[in-house]
Structure formats: C-alpha cells, structure tokens
Amino acid sequence: MATCSKSCKCDSCKSRSTKFYDKNPDARKKKAEYDTKYHSTSERRKYRSELVQKNRDMGSKKGDGLDVSHPTKKGGSFRLEKQKTNRARK
C-alpha cells in the first residue's frame, strides 16, 4: 500500500466530517451560513483582533511560521510556538 501525500484527496484520507459534507451539500451550505454569521459578530471580531495584537506584541511576523500559543492552564502564559504545533493541539 502506497503512503498518501500531505495534500491527498482520496476517500480513505478524508475526515468523517468532510465525508459527511461531501454527501450533504445542503448541510455544508447551512454550516457555511452559520459560520459566516457567527464569525462576523462583534465579539468574535474583537477576539480575533486581540489575538492579532498579541501576535504583534510578541514579535511574530507574517509568514514566519509562528503563532502565539494560548495558555493551556489557568494562570498560564502566552508564548510563541510553531503554527503546526499550536494548531494541532486539541
């Protein structure tokens, strides 16, 4: 069996949600509408702007591959780490 590449689009490499939305275009449309509405609220826009400002304050530049990590524990601190590491954490 061949190993799939990172950008593979075969069915065996798709997540459950991707498979669901591929089969249910109406559900995909409904989710897209909800997400658009949710992310355009003043609270979410303010939250995103705070995160962008924190990135700038900590010295992260566009395209440098770094993100500001959110504190994982109460009382934790922000720190710069690779985007891949920060975004992979659940």
C-alpha atoms as a PDB file:
ATOM      1  CA  MET A   1       0.000   0.000   0.000  1.00  0.00           C
ATOM      2  CA  ALA A   2       1.382   3.396  -1.006  1.00  0.00           C
ATOM      3  CA  THR A   3       1.675   6.204   1.506  1.00  0.00           C
ATOM      4  CA  CYS A   4      -0.537   9.185   0.751  1.00  0.00           C
ATOM      5  CA  SER A   5       0.929  12.659   0.455  1.00  0.00           C
ATOM      6  CA  LYS A   6       0.047  15.510   2.788  1.00  0.00           C
ATOM      7  CA  SER A   7      -2.303  17.027   0.210  1.00  0.00           C
ATOM      8  CA  CYS A   8      -4.017  13.717  -0.605  1.00  0.00           C
ATOM      9  CA  LYS A   9      -7.709  13.869  -1.509  1.00  0.00           C
ATOM     10  CA  CYS A  10      -8.538  10.156  -1.539  1.00  0.00           C
ATOM     11  CA  ASP A  11     -11.594   8.978   0.431  1.00  0.00           C
ATOM     12  CA  SER A  12      -9.548   6.951   2.904  1.00  0.00           C
ATOM     13  CA  CYS A  13      -7.693  10.112   3.991  1.00  0.00           C
ATOM     14  CA  LYS A  14     -10.771  12.314   4.447  1.00  0.00           C
ATOM     15  CA  SER A  15     -12.137  13.058   7.903  1.00  0.00           C
ATOM     16  CA  ARG A  16     -15.628  11.956   8.912  1.00  0.00           C
ATOM     17  CA  SER A  17     -16.979  15.491   8.719  1.00  0.00           C
ATOM     18  CA  THR A  18     -15.517  16.016   5.240  1.00  0.00           C
ATOM     19  CA  LYS A  19     -17.146  12.819   4.028  1.00  0.00           C
ATOM     20  CA  PHE A  20     -20.473  13.933   5.549  1.00  0.00           C
ATOM     21  CA  TYR A  21     -20.406  17.379   3.935  1.00  0.00           C
ATOM     22  CA  ASP A  22     -19.389  15.866   0.578  1.00  0.00           C
ATOM     23  CA  LYS A  23     -22.554  13.747   0.675  1.00  0.00           C
ATOM     24  CA  ASN A  24     -24.808  16.512   2.083  1.00  0.00           C
ATOM     25  CA  PRO A  25     -24.332  19.794   0.210  1.00  0.00           C
ATOM     26  CA  ASP A  26     -27.362  21.385   1.903  1.00  0.00           C
ATOM     27  CA  ALA A  27     -25.798  20.749   5.307  1.00  0.00           C
ATOM     28  CA  ARG A  28     -22.499  22.235   4.067  1.00  0.00           C
ATOM     29  CA  LYS A  29     -24.337  25.362   2.894  1.00  0.00           C
ATOM     30  CA  LYS A  30     -26.192  25.686   6.211  1.00  0.00           C
ATOM     31  CA  LYS A  31     -22.937  25.336   8.179  1.00  0.00           C
ATOM     32  CA  ALA A  32     -21.202  27.919   5.980  1.00  0.00           C
ATOM     33  CA  GLU A  33     -24.034  30.388   6.575  1.00  0.00           C
ATOM     34  CA  TYR A  34     -23.904  29.789  10.332  1.00  0.00           C
ATOM     35  CA  ASP A  35     -20.115  30.148  10.448  1.00  0.00           C
ATOM     36  CA  THR A  36     -20.251  33.390   8.464  1.00  0.00           C
ATOM     37  CA  LYS A  37     -22.859  34.818  10.816  1.00  0.00           C
ATOM     38  CA  TYR A  38     -21.015  33.647  13.954  1.00  0.00           C
ATOM     39  CA  HIS A  39     -17.582  34.925  12.940  1.00  0.00           C
ATOM     40  CA  SER A  40     -18.926  38.318  11.898  1.00  0.00           C
ATOM     41  CA  THR A  41     -20.326  39.131  15.360  1.00  0.00           C
ATOM     42  CA  SER A  42     -18.677  41.975  17.234  1.00  0.00           C
ATOM     43  CA  GLU A  43     -17.479  39.601  19.983  1.00  0.00           C
ATOM     44  CA  ARG A  44     -15.615  37.305  17.555  1.00  0.00           C
ATOM     45  CA  ARG A  45     -14.136  40.243  15.652  1.00  0.00           C
ATOM     46  CA  LYS A  46     -12.881  41.768  18.906  1.00  0.00           C
ATOM     47  CA  TYR A  47     -11.450  38.387  19.989  1.00  0.00           C
ATOM     48  CA  ARG A  48      -9.588  37.956  16.670  1.00  0.00           C
ATOM     49  CA  SER A  49      -8.214  41.496  16.823  1.00  0.00           C
ATOM     50  CA  GLU A  50      -6.898  40.835  20.349  1.00  0.00           C
ATOM     51  CA  LEU A  51      -5.141  37.698  19.120  1.00  0.00           C
ATOM     52  CA  VAL A  52      -3.590  39.542  16.185  1.00  0.00           C
ATOM     53  CA  GLN A  53      -2.377  42.289  18.515  1.00  0.00           C
ATOM     54  CA  LYS A  54      -0.889  39.717  20.908  1.00  0.00           C
ATOM     55  CA  ASN A  55       0.959  38.146  17.951  1.00  0.00           C
ATOM     56  CA  ARG A  56       2.402  41.548  17.035  1.00  0.00           C
ATOM     57  CA  ASP A  57       3.347  42.360  20.627  1.00  0.00           C
ATOM     58  CA  MET A  58       5.264  39.103  20.958  1.00  0.00           C
ATOM     59  CA  GLY A  59       7.229  39.743  17.767  1.00  0.00           C
ATOM     60  CA  SER A  60       5.618  37.293  15.383  1.00  0.00           C
ATOM     61  CA  LYS A  61       5.727  38.445  11.768  1.00  0.00           C
ATOM     62  CA  LYS A  62       3.517  37.365   8.886  1.00  0.00           C
ATOM     63  CA  GLY A  63       4.939  34.275   7.242  1.00  0.00           C
ATOM     64  CA  ASP A  64       7.423  33.378   9.984  1.00  0.00           C
ATOM     65  CA  GLY A  65       5.556  30.147  10.854  1.00  0.00           C
ATOM     66  CA  LEU A  66       4.922  31.138  14.474  1.00  0.00           C
ATOM     67  CA  ASP A  67       1.734  31.606  16.471  1.00  0.00           C
ATOM     68  CA  VAL A  68       1.094  32.799  19.985  1.00  0.00           C
ATOM     69  CA  SER A  69       0.031  29.766  21.980  1.00  0.00           C
ATOM     70  CA  HIS A  70      -2.952  30.129  24.261  1.00  0.00           C
ATOM     71  CA  PRO A  71      -2.370  29.289  27.918  1.00  0.00           C
ATOM     72  CA  THR A  72      -3.370  25.666  28.495  1.00  0.00           C
ATOM     73  CA  LYS A  73      -3.776  26.038  32.261  1.00  0.00           C
ATOM     74  CA  LYS A  74      -5.335  28.705  34.416  1.00  0.00           C
ATOM     75  CA  GLY A  75      -2.626  31.230  35.100  1.00  0.00           C
ATOM     76  CA  GLY A  76      -0.516  30.007  32.178  1.00  0.00           C
ATOM     77  CA  SER A  77       1.323  32.405  29.941  1.00  0.00           C
ATOM     78  CA  PHE A  78       1.324  33.106  26.228  1.00  0.00           C
ATOM     79  CA  ARG A  79       4.376  32.004  24.240  1.00  0.00           C
ATOM     80  CA  LEU A  80       5.472  31.785  20.629  1.00  0.00           C
ATOM     81  CA  GLU A  81       5.482  28.341  19.077  1.00  0.00           C
ATOM     82  CA  LYS A  82       5.295  26.769  15.630  1.00  0.00           C
ATOM     83  CA  GLN A  83       1.908  27.104  13.921  1.00  0.00           C
ATOM     84  CA  LYS A  84       1.873  23.375  13.234  1.00  0.00           C
ATOM     85  CA  THR A  85       2.274  22.537  16.938  1.00  0.00           C
ATOM     86  CA  ASN A  86      -0.166  25.181  18.166  1.00  0.00           C
ATOM     87  CA  ARG A  87      -2.941  24.336  15.706  1.00  0.00           C
ATOM     88  CA  ALA A  88      -2.609  20.552  16.061  1.00  0.00           C
ATOM     89  CA  ARG A  89      -3.353  20.590  19.789  1.00  0.00           C
ATOM     90  CA  LYS A  90      -6.882  19.684  20.732  1.00  0.00           C
END
